[in-house]
Amino acid sequence: MNFYLYTNIGAGILIMIIFVSALALENFTFKKISLKHLTVISLFAACSAILTGLTYKIPPIFGNIHIALGDWIIFLLGLIFGPLCGVISAICTDTLMAIVLPSNYGYHAGYMFGKCVLAFFGSLVFLTRGEKRILLKVIVLYTVAYILQSLFLNQIWMMSWKGMAAWLDFISKLIKLPISLPIYISITYLSYLPIRKLLENWNNEFVWCFKSEYLNKNLDY
């Protein structure tokens, strides 16, 4: 019980840290979040929660290991709309899932932090003004975020009710890694391309993935 409490408190602190970090990358302002942003975030967050729910209706690959169909959307939101929108969407998605799909073992804030990590790492693709090697950056950042979330953090949160037995899933997850990771990355990047096209009529200043175009255009003046 103490471990469950301590890890929840630790996860809550980590969520606050990553939220402040996201806010810092956005120059400590919410001005770039419009009603359109909130509408799109809500839609994608609902889709992520639904797809994650469907995940558990699909037979597992190894033992009780499933492919998480909804988490890639969180990374995509960070990639397109930036760290603040991404982290907010991660918090909203996990909250929605906790209400609609409550766990038999109780709620743990660690899983919310894991989603925040995915969103934050997604935003790092466009942290600089460079538009080169986007696919490579998506591959690297998604891989790092996924390994951190799935192989390490989730095992720690699972120890709250499984104890050291939680690490028995580690081998299965390692086996699943080369199967699931290319699927997540491919879906993310192939979804990013048409969505970016659809957002071209938005103000470039308010879309994170157009950040470099906006900055370069202003530098030209």
Protein backbone atom coordinates (compact mmCIF):
# COMPACT_ATOMS: atom_id res chain seq x y z
CA MET A 1 0.00 0.00 0.00
CA ASN A 2 2.83 2.39 0.82
CA PHE A 3 4.51 1.64 -2.52
CA TYR A 4 1.22 2.34 -4.33
CA LEU A 5 0.87 5.66 -2.50
CA TYR A 6 4.49 6.71 -2.99
CA THR A 7 4.54 5.88 -6.70
CA ASN A 8 1.28 7.79 -7.22
CA ILE A 9 2.72 10.82 -5.45
CA GLY A 10 5.94 10.51 -7.46
CA ALA A 11 3.98 10.22 -10.72
CA GLY A 12 1.90 13.27 -9.78
CA ILE A 13 5.07 15.29 -9.22
CA LEU A 14 6.50 14.09 -12.54
CA ILE A 15 3.28 15.13 -14.32
CA MET A 16 3.58 18.62 -12.86
CA ILE A 17 7.24 18.80 -13.91
CA ILE A 18 6.54 17.73 -17.49
CA PHE A 19 3.56 20.12 -17.68
CA VAL A 20 5.72 23.05 -16.54
CA SER A 21 8.43 21.97 -19.01
CA ALA A 22 5.85 21.94 -21.82
CA LEU A 23 4.63 25.36 -20.74
CA ALA A 24 8.24 26.62 -20.75
CA LEU A 25 8.70 25.46 -24.35
CA GLU A 26 5.60 27.51 -25.21
CA ASN A 27 7.11 30.59 -23.47
CA PHE A 28 4.71 30.24 -20.51
CA THR A 29 1.62 31.26 -22.46
CA PHE A 30 -1.70 29.65 -23.33
CA LYS A 31 -2.41 32.21 -26.04
CA LYS A 32 -1.59 29.78 -28.86
CA ILE A 33 -4.36 27.40 -27.79
CA SER A 34 -7.56 28.35 -29.58
CA LEU A 35 -11.05 26.86 -29.63
CA LYS A 36 -10.02 24.99 -32.79
CA HIS A 37 -7.11 23.43 -30.90
CA LEU A 38 -9.39 22.33 -28.06
CA THR A 39 -11.89 20.85 -30.51
CA VAL A 40 -9.24 18.83 -32.33
CA ILE A 41 -7.56 17.76 -29.07
CA SER A 42 -10.91 16.56 -27.68
CA LEU A 43 -11.64 14.58 -30.84
CA PHE A 44 -8.22 12.93 -30.90
CA ALA A 45 -8.27 12.26 -27.14
CA ALA A 46 -11.64 10.50 -27.52
CA CYS A 47 -10.28 8.46 -30.44
CA SER A 48 -7.23 7.49 -28.39
CA ALA A 49 -9.38 6.36 -25.47
CA ILE A 50 -11.70 4.35 -27.77
CA LEU A 51 -8.83 2.67 -29.60
CA THR A 52 -7.13 1.83 -26.31
CA GLY A 53 -10.38 0.30 -25.10
CA LEU A 54 -10.60 -1.78 -28.26
CA THR A 55 -7.05 -2.96 -27.64
CA TYR A 56 -8.25 -5.20 -24.82
CA LYS A 57 -10.90 -6.75 -27.07
CA ILE A 58 -8.15 -8.04 -29.39
CA PRO A 59 -6.34 -11.25 -28.40
CA PRO A 60 -2.88 -10.54 -26.91
CA ILE A 61 0.29 -11.24 -28.89
CA PHE A 62 2.30 -12.90 -26.11
CA GLY A 63 0.75 -13.91 -22.80
CA ASN A 64 -1.21 -10.85 -21.67
CA ILE A 65 0.72 -8.36 -23.84
CA HIS A 66 -1.47 -6.27 -26.15
CA ILE A 67 -0.65 -3.77 -28.90
CA ALA A 68 -1.73 -0.34 -27.57
CA LEU A 69 -3.73 1.02 -30.49
CA GLY A 70 -4.43 4.45 -29.01
CA ASP A 71 -1.15 5.70 -27.54
CA TRP A 72 0.40 6.68 -30.89
CA ILE A 73 -2.28 9.39 -31.19
CA ILE A 74 -0.85 11.09 -28.09
CA PHE A 75 2.59 11.24 -29.69
CA LEU A 76 0.97 12.57 -32.89
CA LEU A 77 -0.78 15.39 -31.01
CA GLY A 78 2.51 16.49 -29.46
CA LEU A 79 4.17 16.27 -32.88
CA ILE A 80 1.55 18.46 -34.59
CA PHE A 81 0.30 20.83 -31.89
CA GLY A 82 3.26 21.07 -29.55
CA PRO A 83 4.19 20.11 -25.99
CA LEU A 84 1.44 21.98 -24.15
CA CYS A 85 -1.44 20.70 -26.28
CA GLY A 86 0.15 17.26 -26.28
CA VAL A 87 0.51 17.04 -22.50
CA ILE A 88 -3.01 18.42 -21.97
CA SER A 89 -4.38 15.83 -24.39
CA ALA A 90 -2.48 13.07 -22.55
CA ILE A 91 -3.99 14.17 -19.23
CA CYS A 92 -7.49 14.36 -20.74
CA THR A 93 -7.17 10.98 -22.45
CA ASP A 94 -6.01 9.19 -19.32
CA THR A 95 -8.73 10.86 -17.24
CA LEU A 96 -11.38 9.81 -19.76
CA MET A 97 -10.07 6.24 -19.78
CA ALA A 98 -10.05 6.10 -15.98
CA ILE A 99 -13.74 7.05 -15.97
CA VAL A 100 -14.93 4.93 -18.90
CA LEU A 101 -12.54 1.96 -18.51
CA PRO A 102 -11.65 1.75 -14.80
CA SER A 103 -8.92 -0.73 -13.92
CA ASN A 104 -9.66 -3.69 -11.67
CA TYR A 105 -6.57 -2.74 -9.68
CA GLY A 106 -7.47 0.91 -9.15
CA TYR A 107 -6.19 4.14 -10.67
CA HIS A 108 -2.49 4.95 -10.94
CA ALA A 109 -1.22 8.38 -12.04
CA GLY A 110 1.88 6.75 -13.49
CA TYR A 111 0.04 5.78 -16.64
CA MET A 112 -0.98 9.40 -17.15
CA PHE A 113 2.68 10.37 -16.86
CA GLY A 114 3.58 7.74 -19.47
CA LYS A 115 1.16 9.32 -21.93
CA CYS A 116 2.59 12.76 -21.11
CA VAL A 117 6.06 11.43 -21.96
CA LEU A 118 4.84 10.29 -25.39
CA ALA A 119 3.26 13.67 -26.10
CA PHE A 120 6.30 15.61 -24.90
CA PHE A 121 8.74 13.56 -26.96
CA GLY A 122 6.48 14.01 -30.00
CA SER A 123 6.83 17.77 -29.68
CA LEU A 124 10.63 17.50 -29.63
CA VAL A 125 10.58 16.59 -33.34
CA PHE A 126 10.00 20.27 -34.12
CA LEU A 127 11.88 21.77 -31.19
CA THR A 128 14.40 23.32 -33.59
CA ARG A 129 13.77 25.28 -36.79
CA GLY A 130 15.07 22.47 -38.98
CA GLU A 131 12.59 20.66 -41.25
CA LYS A 132 15.07 17.96 -42.28
CA ARG A 133 15.02 14.29 -41.29
CA ILE A 134 11.55 14.44 -39.76
CA LEU A 135 10.96 10.72 -40.21
CA LEU A 136 14.31 9.90 -38.61
CA LYS A 137 13.49 12.13 -35.63
CA VAL A 138 10.06 10.53 -35.29
CA ILE A 139 11.67 7.07 -35.29
CA VAL A 140 14.28 7.98 -32.68
CA LEU A 141 12.03 9.99 -30.36
CA TYR A 142 9.12 7.57 -30.52
CA THR A 143 11.47 4.66 -29.82
CA VAL A 144 13.03 6.35 -26.79
CA ALA A 145 9.65 7.46 -25.40
CA TYR A 146 8.08 4.04 -25.96
CA ILE A 147 10.93 2.12 -24.35
CA LEU A 148 10.90 4.48 -21.36
CA GLN A 149 7.12 4.23 -21.00
CA SER A 150 6.44 0.58 -21.79
CA LEU A 151 9.55 -1.28 -20.69
CA PHE A 152 10.45 0.65 -17.55
CA LEU A 153 7.85 3.06 -16.18
CA ASN A 154 4.84 0.77 -16.65
CA GLN A 155 6.66 -2.06 -14.91
CA ILE A 156 7.27 0.20 -11.88
CA TRP A 157 3.59 1.19 -11.69
CA MET A 158 2.54 -2.46 -12.04
CA MET A 159 4.65 -3.33 -9.01
CA SER A 160 2.00 -1.50 -6.95
CA TRP A 161 -0.28 -4.56 -7.19
CA LYS A 162 1.90 -7.30 -8.69
CA GLY A 163 5.09 -6.77 -6.75
CA MET A 164 8.27 -8.04 -8.39
CA ALA A 165 6.13 -10.35 -10.54
CA ALA A 166 5.41 -7.27 -12.70
CA TRP A 167 8.84 -7.73 -14.26
CA LEU A 168 7.82 -11.13 -15.66
CA ASP A 169 6.16 -9.22 -18.51
CA PHE A 170 9.47 -7.55 -19.35
CA ILE A 171 10.68 -10.41 -21.57
CA SER A 172 7.36 -10.55 -23.42
CA LYS A 173 7.52 -6.82 -24.03
CA LEU A 174 11.06 -7.14 -25.38
CA ILE A 175 9.81 -9.77 -27.83
CA LYS A 176 6.88 -7.55 -28.80
CA LEU A 177 9.09 -4.47 -29.28
CA PRO A 178 10.36 -5.13 -32.85
CA ILE A 179 6.79 -6.01 -33.90
CA SER A 180 4.78 -3.21 -32.32
CA LEU A 181 7.20 -0.29 -32.56
CA PRO A 182 7.40 -0.20 -36.41
CA ILE A 183 3.57 -0.36 -36.48
CA TYR A 184 3.21 2.62 -34.12
CA ILE A 185 5.84 4.68 -35.92
CA SER A 186 4.40 3.94 -39.38
CA ILE A 187 0.84 4.81 -38.36
CA THR A 188 2.04 8.00 -36.65
CA TYR A 189 4.06 9.27 -39.60
CA LEU A 190 1.49 8.27 -42.23
CA SER A 191 -1.21 10.06 -40.21
CA TYR A 192 0.96 13.14 -39.73
CA LEU A 193 1.40 13.76 -43.48
CA PRO A 194 -2.30 14.26 -44.44
CA ILE A 195 -3.17 16.04 -41.18
CA ARG A 196 -0.35 18.52 -41.74
CA LYS A 197 -1.77 19.14 -45.23
CA LEU A 198 -5.23 19.79 -43.79
CA LEU A 199 -3.84 22.34 -41.32
CA GLU A 200 -2.13 24.50 -43.94
CA ASN A 201 -4.93 27.08 -43.77
CA TRP A 202 -4.32 27.61 -40.05
CA ASN A 203 -2.09 30.43 -38.85
CA ASN A 204 1.43 28.95 -38.90
CA GLU A 205 2.22 30.66 -35.62
CA PHE A 206 -0.35 28.51 -33.82
CA VAL A 207 0.58 25.10 -35.25
CA TRP A 208 3.70 23.56 -33.74
CA CYS A 209 4.70 21.53 -36.80
CA PHE A 210 4.72 24.77 -38.86
CA LYS A 211 6.98 26.43 -36.29
CA SER A 212 10.08 26.42 -38.50
CA GLU A 213 8.14 27.81 -41.50
CA TYR A 214 6.77 30.64 -39.36
CA LEU A 215 10.17 31.50 -37.86
CA ASN A 216 11.98 31.32 -41.19
CA LYS A 217 9.36 33.53 -42.83
CA ASN A 218 9.76 36.15 -40.10
CA LEU A 219 13.54 36.00 -40.36
CA ASP A 220 13.23 36.80 -44.06
CA TYR A 221 11.59 40.07 -43.13
